C-alpha atoms as a PDB file:
ATOM      1  CA  MET A   1     120.519 105.635  85.931  1.00  0.00           C
ATOM      2  CA  ASP A   2     117.416 104.288  87.698  1.00  0.00           C
ATOM      3  CA  GLN A   3     118.103 102.594  91.009  1.00  0.00           C
ATOM      4  CA  HIS A   4     116.882  99.012  91.240  1.00  0.00           C
ATOM      5  CA  LEU A   5     114.966  98.413  94.453  1.00  0.00           C
ATOM      6  CA  ASN A   6     114.754  94.636  94.444  1.00  0.00           C
ATOM      7  CA  ALA A   7     115.338  91.421  92.526  1.00  0.00           C
ATOM      8  CA  TYR A   8     112.295  92.133  90.349  1.00  0.00           C
ATOM      9  CA  GLY A   9     114.114  95.049  88.733  1.00  0.00           C
ATOM     10  CA  ASP A  10     111.671  97.670  90.028  1.00  0.00           C
ATOM     11  CA  VAL A  11     113.111 101.166  89.950  1.00  0.00           C
ATOM     12  CA  ALA A  12     112.744 104.137  92.249  1.00  0.00           C
ATOM     13  CA  ARG A  13     109.487 105.739  91.176  1.00  0.00           C
ATOM     14  CA  PRO A  14     108.230 107.473  94.320  1.00  0.00           C
ATOM     15  CA  THR A  15     104.655 108.442  95.020  1.00  0.00           C
ATOM     16  CA  GLU A  16     103.910 111.627  96.920  1.00  0.00           C
ATOM     17  CA  ALA A  17     103.823 112.291 100.676  1.00  0.00           C
ATOM     18  CA  GLY A  18     106.043 109.395 101.728  1.00  0.00           C
ATOM     19  CA  HIS A  19     103.742 106.586 100.561  1.00  0.00           C
ATOM     20  CA  GLY A  20     106.504 104.504  99.030  1.00  0.00           C
ATOM     21  CA  MET A  21     107.285 103.594  95.444  1.00  0.00           C
ATOM     22  CA  ASP A  22     104.801 103.076  92.657  1.00  0.00           C
ATOM     23  CA  ILE A  23     105.255  99.452  91.640  1.00  0.00           C
ATOM     24  CA  ALA A  24     101.997  98.739  89.800  1.00  0.00           C
ATOM     25  CA  SER A  25     102.900 101.088  86.942  1.00  0.00           C
ATOM     26  CA  GLN A  26     106.044  99.022  86.357  1.00  0.00           C
ATOM     27  CA  ARG A  27     104.666  95.492  86.487  1.00  0.00           C
ATOM     28  CA  ALA A  28     101.794  93.295  87.582  1.00  0.00           C
ATOM     29  CA  ASP A  29     102.777  91.054  90.462  1.00  0.00           C
ATOM     30  CA  GLU A  30     101.192  87.682  91.259  1.00  0.00           C
ATOM     31  CA  LEU A  31      98.351  89.229  93.252  1.00  0.00           C
ATOM     32  CA  ASP A  32      97.623  91.740  90.471  1.00  0.00           C
ATOM     33  CA  LEU A  33      97.477  88.905  87.955  1.00  0.00           C
ATOM     34  CA  LEU A  34      95.051  86.932  90.119  1.00  0.00           C
ATOM     35  CA  ALA A  35      92.754  89.969  90.248  1.00  0.00           C
ATOM     36  CA  ILE A  36      92.952  90.422  86.468  1.00  0.00           C
ATOM     37  CA  GLU A  37      92.168  86.746  85.973  1.00  0.00           C
ATOM     38  CA  GLN A  38      89.088  87.162  88.180  1.00  0.00           C
ATOM     39  CA  VAL A  39      87.953  90.188  86.155  1.00  0.00           C
ATOM     40  CA  ARG A  40      88.293  88.222  82.929  1.00  0.00           C
ATOM     41  CA  THR A  41      86.403  85.269  84.395  1.00  0.00           C
ATOM     42  CA  LEU A  42      83.491  87.472  85.468  1.00  0.00           C
ATOM     43  CA  VAL A  43      83.444  89.350  82.164  1.00  0.00           C
ATOM     44  CA  SER A  44      83.416  86.082  80.189  1.00  0.00           C
ATOM     45  CA  ARG A  45      80.449  84.799  82.179  1.00  0.00           C
ATOM     46  CA  GLY A  46      78.318  87.876  81.732  1.00  0.00           C
ATOM     47  CA  ASP A  47      74.903  88.159  83.379  1.00  0.00           C
ATOM     48  CA  ALA A  48      71.974  90.491  83.821  1.00  0.00           C
ATOM     49  CA  LYS A  49      73.806  92.353  86.559  1.00  0.00           C
ATOM     50  CA  GLY A  50      75.723  94.430  84.049  1.00  0.00           C
ATOM     51  CA  ALA A  51      79.328  95.595  84.198  1.00  0.00           C
ATOM     52  CA  VAL A  52      81.991  93.969  86.336  1.00  0.00           C
ATOM     53  CA  LEU A  53      82.938  96.608  88.890  1.00  0.00           C
ATOM     54  CA  ALA A  54      86.528  96.796  90.115  1.00  0.00           C
ATOM     55  CA  LEU A  55      87.946  98.978  92.878  1.00  0.00           C
ATOM     56  CA  ASP A  56      91.640  99.828  93.127  1.00  0.00           C
ATOM     57  CA  ILE A  57      92.437 101.257  96.567  1.00  0.00           C
ATOM     58  CA  GLY A  58      95.681 103.190  96.848  1.00  0.00           C
ATOM     59  CA  CYS A  59      95.926 103.143  93.066  1.00  0.00           C
ATOM     60  CA  GLY A  60      99.057 105.284  92.769  1.00  0.00           C
ATOM     61  CA  HIS A  61      99.804 105.989  89.118  1.00  0.00           C
ATOM     62  CA  GLY A  62      97.006 103.652  88.032  1.00  0.00           C
ATOM     63  CA  GLY A  63      98.914 100.750  86.524  1.00  0.00           C
ATOM     64  CA  GLN A  64      96.709  98.024  87.988  1.00  0.00           C
ATOM     65  CA  ALA A  65      93.531 100.052  87.530  1.00  0.00           C
ATOM     66  CA  ALA A  66      94.350 100.336  83.822  1.00  0.00           C
ATOM     67  CA  ARG A  67      95.018  96.609  83.515  1.00  0.00           C
ATOM     68  CA  MET A  68      91.676  95.758  85.108  1.00  0.00           C
ATOM     69  CA  ALA A  69      89.873  98.222  82.841  1.00  0.00           C
ATOM     70  CA  GLN A  70      91.648  96.744  79.825  1.00  0.00           C
ATOM     71  CA  ALA A  71      90.442  93.298  80.985  1.00  0.00           C
ATOM     72  CA  GLY A  72      86.857  94.556  80.778  1.00  0.00           C
ATOM     73  CA  ALA A  73      85.990  95.973  84.203  1.00  0.00           C
ATOM     74  CA  GLN A  74      84.404  99.293  85.038  1.00  0.00           C
ATOM     75  CA  VAL A  75      87.053 100.651  87.398  1.00  0.00           C
ATOM     76  CA  LEU A  76      87.018 103.122  90.255  1.00  0.00           C
ATOM     77  CA  ALA A  77      90.572 104.075  91.260  1.00  0.00           C
ATOM     78  CA  ILE A  78      91.004 105.809  94.602  1.00  0.00           C
ATOM     79  CA  ASP A  79      94.001 107.254  96.362  1.00  0.00           C
ATOM     80  CA  VAL A  80      94.641 109.647  99.225  1.00  0.00           C
ATOM     81  CA  GLU A  81      96.984 111.537  96.882  1.00  0.00           C
ATOM     82  CA  ASP A  82      95.889 113.514  93.829  1.00  0.00           C
ATOM     83  CA  CYS A  83      96.777 110.954  91.167  1.00  0.00           C
ATOM     84  CA  ALA A  84      94.104 111.880  88.603  1.00  0.00           C
ATOM     85  CA  ASP A  85      96.543 112.973  85.876  1.00  0.00           C
ATOM     86  CA  LYS A  86      98.807 109.960  86.345  1.00  0.00           C
ATOM     87  CA  VAL A  87      95.864 107.554  86.311  1.00  0.00           C
ATOM     88  CA  ALA A  88      94.561 109.192  83.139  1.00  0.00           C
ATOM     89  CA  ALA A  89      97.987 108.771  81.523  1.00  0.00           C
ATOM     90  CA  SER A  90      98.086 105.077  82.464  1.00  0.00           C
ATOM     91  CA  MET A  91      94.613 104.566  81.015  1.00  0.00           C
ATOM     92  CA  ARG A  92      95.595 106.264  77.749  1.00  0.00           C
ATOM     93  CA  ALA A  93      98.735 104.156  77.528  1.00  0.00           C
ATOM     94  CA  GLN A  94      96.608 101.008  77.798  1.00  0.00           C
ATOM     95  CA  GLY A  95      94.051 102.288  75.302  1.00  0.00           C
ATOM     96  CA  VAL A  96      91.251 102.351  77.869  1.00  0.00           C
ATOM     97  CA  ALA A  97      88.142 104.362  76.987  1.00  0.00           C
ATOM     98  CA  ARG A  98      87.437 107.318  79.283  1.00  0.00           C
ATOM     99  CA  ALA A  99      83.984 105.941  80.103  1.00  0.00           C
ATOM    100  CA  ALA A 100      85.518 102.775  81.593  1.00  0.00           C
ATOM    101  CA  TRP A 101      87.104 104.375  84.656  1.00  0.00           C
ATOM    102  CA  ALA A 102      86.874 107.078  87.299  1.00  0.00           C
ATOM    103  CA  PHE A 103      89.211 108.451  89.962  1.00  0.00           C
ATOM    104  CA  ARG A 104      88.338 109.755  93.419  1.00  0.00           C
ATOM    105  CA  ARG A 105      90.754 111.316  95.883  1.00  0.00           C
ATOM    106  CA  ILE A 106      89.836 109.580  99.130  1.00  0.00           C
ATOM    107  CA  GLY A 107      91.508 107.222 101.564  1.00  0.00           C
ATOM    108  CA  ILE A 108      90.315 103.742 102.452  1.00  0.00           C
ATOM    109  CA  GLU A 109      88.991 105.159 105.727  1.00  0.00           C
ATOM    110  CA  GLN A 110      86.330 106.963 103.665  1.00  0.00           C
ATOM    111  CA  ILE A 111      85.273 103.892 101.725  1.00  0.00           C
ATOM    112  CA  GLY A 112      81.811 104.018 103.279  1.00  0.00           C
ATOM    113  CA  SER A 113      81.129 107.136 101.200  1.00  0.00           C
ATOM    114  CA  VAL A 114      81.537 105.193  97.946  1.00  0.00           C
ATOM    115  CA  ASP A 115      78.278 103.918  96.459  1.00  0.00           C
ATOM    116  CA  LEU A 116      79.750 100.898  94.711  1.00  0.00           C
ATOM    117  CA  GLN A 117      79.133  97.169  95.069  1.00  0.00           C
ATOM    118  CA  ALA A 118      82.543  96.142  93.776  1.00  0.00           C
ATOM    119  CA  ASP A 119      83.095  92.644  92.401  1.00  0.00           C
ATOM    120  CA  VAL A 120      86.901  92.763  92.417  1.00  0.00           C
ATOM    121  CA  ILE A 121      88.845  94.798  94.968  1.00  0.00           C
ATOM    122  CA  VAL A 122      92.589  95.380  94.888  1.00  0.00           C
ATOM    123  CA  CYS A 123      94.311  96.973  97.865  1.00  0.00           C
ATOM    124  CA  GLN A 124      98.059  96.682  97.415  1.00  0.00           C
ATOM    125  CA  ARG A 125     100.866  98.173  99.520  1.00  0.00           C
ATOM    126  CA  MET A 126      98.759 100.627 101.534  1.00  0.00           C
ATOM    127  CA  ILE A 127      96.942  98.942 104.463  1.00  0.00           C
ATOM    128  CA  HIS A 128     100.188  99.044 106.481  1.00  0.00           C
ATOM    129  CA  TYR A 129      99.917 102.860 106.647  1.00  0.00           C
ATOM    130  CA  LEU A 130      97.005 102.412 109.077  1.00  0.00           C
ATOM    131  CA  ARG A 131      97.130 101.403 112.700  1.00  0.00           C
ATOM    132  CA  HIS A 132      95.780  97.882 113.188  1.00  0.00           C
ATOM    133  CA  GLY A 133      92.483  99.097 114.656  1.00  0.00           C
ATOM    134  CA  ASP A 134      91.963 101.549 111.812  1.00  0.00           C
ATOM    135  CA  ALA A 135      92.806  98.859 109.264  1.00  0.00           C
ATOM    136  CA  LEU A 136      90.203  96.587 110.842  1.00  0.00           C
ATOM    137  CA  ALA A 137      87.565  99.316 110.658  1.00  0.00           C
ATOM    138  CA  ALA A 138      88.459 100.067 107.030  1.00  0.00           C
ATOM    139  CA  LEU A 139      88.294  96.424 105.913  1.00  0.00           C
ATOM    140  CA  THR A 140      84.990  95.999 107.743  1.00  0.00           C
ATOM    141  CA  ALA A 141      83.533  99.016 105.945  1.00  0.00           C
ATOM    142  CA  LEU A 142      84.997  97.759 102.680  1.00  0.00           C
ATOM    143  CA  ARG A 143      83.160  94.463 103.069  1.00  0.00           C
ATOM    144  CA  ARG A 144      79.896  96.366 103.408  1.00  0.00           C
ATOM    145  CA  ALA A 145      80.686  98.207 100.163  1.00  0.00           C
ATOM    146  CA  ALA A 146      81.414  94.980  98.293  1.00  0.00           C
ATOM    147  CA  ALA A 147      79.151  92.805  96.168  1.00  0.00           C
ATOM    148  CA  ALA A 148      77.930  89.581  97.762  1.00  0.00           C
ATOM    149  CA  SER A 149      80.414  87.479  95.777  1.00  0.00           C
ATOM    150  CA  ALA A 150      83.268  90.011  95.846  1.00  0.00           C
ATOM    151  CA  ALA A 151      86.919  88.964  95.861  1.00  0.00           C
ATOM    152  CA  LEU A 152      89.549  90.956  97.747  1.00  0.00           C
ATOM    153  CA  TYR A 153      93.223  91.044  96.750  1.00  0.00           C
ATOM    154  CA  LEU A 154      95.091  92.556  99.710  1.00  0.00           C
ATOM    155  CA  SER A 155      98.769  93.025 100.454  1.00  0.00           C
ATOM    156  CA  ALA A 156     100.891  94.578 103.176  1.00  0.00           C
ATOM    157  CA  SER A 157     104.565  95.183 103.733  1.00  0.00           C
ATOM    158  CA  GLY A 158     105.956  92.246 105.648  1.00  0.00           C
ATOM    159  CA  MET A 159     107.836  91.562 108.829  1.00  0.00           C
ATOM    160  CA  ASP A 160     109.937  89.141 106.790  1.00  0.00           C
ATOM    161  CA  SER A 161     110.998  91.805 104.292  1.00  0.00           C
ATOM    162  CA  GLU A 162     114.043  94.049 104.462  1.00  0.00           C
ATOM    163  CA  LEU A 163     111.746  96.822 105.702  1.00  0.00           C
ATOM    164  CA  ALA A 164     111.799  95.108 109.096  1.00  0.00           C
ATOM    165  CA  ASP A 165     115.582  95.464 109.479  1.00  0.00           C
ATOM    166  CA  GLY A 166     115.955  97.522 112.649  1.00  0.00           C
ATOM    167  CA  TYR A 167     112.202  98.186 112.730  1.00  0.00           C
ATOM    168  CA  ALA A 168     111.062  99.386 116.167  1.00  0.00           C
ATOM    169  CA  GLY A 169     107.805  97.432 115.826  1.00  0.00           C
ATOM    170  CA  ARG A 170     109.576  94.085 115.902  1.00  0.00           C
ATOM    171  CA  GLY A 171     108.468  92.199 118.993  1.00  0.00           C
ATOM    172  CA  VAL A 172     105.418  94.439 119.445  1.00  0.00           C
ATOM    173  CA  ASP A 173     101.931  92.915 119.279  1.00  0.00           C
ATOM    174  CA  VAL A 174     100.362  93.639 115.901  1.00  0.00           C
ATOM    175  CA  ARG A 175      97.481  95.495 117.579  1.00  0.00           C
ATOM    176  CA  GLU A 176      99.986  98.046 118.906  1.00  0.00           C
ATOM    177  CA  ARG A 177     102.624  97.839 116.177  1.00  0.00           C
ATOM    178  CA  PHE A 178     103.086 101.157 114.357  1.00  0.00           C
ATOM    179  CA  ALA A 179     106.533 102.641 113.870  1.00  0.00           C
ATOM    180  CA  LEU A 180     108.864 104.358 111.448  1.00  0.00           C
ATOM    181  CA  LEU A 181     111.316 102.376 109.372  1.00  0.00           C
ATOM    182  CA  THR A 182     115.005 102.935 109.937  1.00  0.00           C
ATOM    183  CA  ALA A 183     116.363 105.943 108.077  1.00  0.00           C
ATOM    184  CA  ASP A 184     118.127 103.914 105.385  1.00  0.00           C
ATOM    185  CA  ARG A 185     115.100 101.697 104.647  1.00  0.00           C
ATOM    186  CA  ALA A 186     112.762 104.680 104.669  1.00  0.00           C
ATOM    187  CA  CYS A 187     115.009 106.530 102.234  1.00  0.00           C
ATOM    188  CA  LYS A 188     115.474 103.571  99.893  1.00  0.00           C
ATOM    189  CA  HIS A 189     111.746 102.811  99.673  1.00  0.00           C
ATOM    190  CA  GLN A 190     110.463 106.370 100.179  1.00  0.00           C
ATOM    191  CA  ILE A 191     108.270 105.324 103.116  1.00  0.00           C
ATOM    192  CA  ALA A 192     108.388 108.340 105.393  1.00  0.00           C
ATOM    193  CA  LEU A 193     105.345 107.478 107.534  1.00  0.00           C
ATOM    194  CA  PRO A 194     104.876 105.008 110.405  1.00  0.00           C
ATOM    195  CA  VAL A 195     103.752 101.563 109.287  1.00  0.00           C
ATOM    196  CA  CYS A 196     102.359  98.357 110.734  1.00  0.00           C
ATOM    197  CA  LEU A 197     104.304  95.527 109.143  1.00  0.00           C
ATOM    198  CA  TYR A 198     102.556  92.148 109.012  1.00  0.00           C
ATOM    199  CA  ARG A 199     103.269  88.458 109.166  1.00  0.00           C
ATOM    200  CA  GLU A 200     101.134  86.131 107.067  1.00  0.00           C
ATOM    201  CA  GLU A 201      98.934  84.897 109.882  1.00  0.00           C
ATOM    202  CA  GLU A 202      98.468  88.443 111.207  1.00  0.00           C
ATOM    203  CA  LEU A 203      97.131  89.777 107.916  1.00  0.00           C
ATOM    204  CA  ALA A 204      94.879  86.737 107.562  1.00  0.00           C
ATOM    205  CA  ASP A 205      93.536  87.252 111.094  1.00  0.00           C
ATOM    206  CA  LEU A 206      92.887  90.924 110.305  1.00  0.00           C
ATOM    207  CA  ALA A 207      90.849  90.054 107.211  1.00  0.00           C
ATOM    208  CA  ARG A 208      88.884  87.381 109.069  1.00  0.00           C
ATOM    209  CA  ALA A 209      88.119  89.757 111.932  1.00  0.00           C
ATOM    210  CA  ALA A 210      86.664  92.170 109.348  1.00  0.00           C
ATOM    211  CA  GLY A 211      84.330  89.421 108.103  1.00  0.00           C
ATOM    212  CA  TRP A 212      86.240  88.301 105.004  1.00  0.00           C
ATOM    213  CA  ARG A 213      86.728  84.620 104.190  1.00  0.00           C
ATOM    214  CA  VAL A 214      90.430  84.085 103.551  1.00  0.00           C
ATOM    215  CA  ARG A 215      91.107  81.766 100.634  1.00  0.00           C
ATOM    216  CA  ARG A 216      94.869  82.062 100.281  1.00  0.00           C
ATOM    217  CA  VAL A 217      97.804  83.755 102.001  1.00  0.00           C
ATOM    218  CA  PHE A 218     101.340  83.792 100.676  1.00  0.00           C
ATOM    219  CA  ARG A 219     104.553  85.754 100.835  1.00  0.00           C
ATOM    220  CA  SER A 220     106.423  87.343  97.956  1.00  0.00           C
ATOM    221  CA  SER A 221     110.096  86.634  97.476  1.00  0.00           C
ATOM    222  CA  PHE A 222     110.740  90.155  98.804  1.00  0.00           C
ATOM    223  CA  GLY A 223     108.887  89.192 102.004  1.00  0.00           C
ATOM    224  CA  ASN A 224     105.636  91.121 101.649  1.00  0.00           C
ATOM    225  CA  VAL A 225     102.334  89.436 102.532  1.00  0.00           C
ATOM    226  CA  LYS A 226      99.648  88.736  99.898  1.00  0.00           C
ATOM    227  CA  LEU A 227      96.101  87.594 100.568  1.00  0.00           C
ATOM    228  CA  VAL A 228      93.037  86.564  98.579  1.00  0.00           C
ATOM    229  CA  ALA A 229      89.669  86.624 100.322  1.00  0.00           C
ATOM    230  CA  THR A 230      85.982  86.614  99.433  1.00  0.00           C
ATOM    231  CA  ARG A 231      83.034  88.359 101.006  1.00  0.00           C
ATOM    232  CA  GLY A 232      80.966  85.217 101.321  1.00  0.00           C
END
């Protein structure tokens, strides 16, 4: 029987290489839904610019990428793992045409190599795998790769979640915070790598330092941090 991870009913569906569980293929959370709503708004407006471009960073099995494509966006899904087959399966399951999406195996640190002025950017459950300084550099580069009116939907594992139980980074300044989870939390959530857990104001400060204008910050019932920001 599948093991439930949380009150949402998510089950253990691990990604590769210790990057946690794939949640987006199981459900759209509040941040995902906000991004989809933005895609639909832009598509309904229409203009001479052409297609609405969406970028899903750390796409995993492609659940959110498929939802954004289904909503009418031209989607680029990227992940440091080789998720091409899983993304393709998610797209087929949602009835998305092959021409509406692409996958590239790169990390967010390589975002400067992507020639794409994205209108809607989703980056869920992956920025915490970077040290704070590297996350700042990545979000700064991401802003340069974004359209002038782009919206960013960013999340990070939180210091107020169960992941922080016994976490060695507790009490450490966020700029230096980067540590393994305890063995039981790492095993339960399949997060085998060091992480920088965030509080709400810390993630907001990170986005602002990278040049983004933070519009909203909130915390999920699990304790993870969610953020909506715009380029301008």
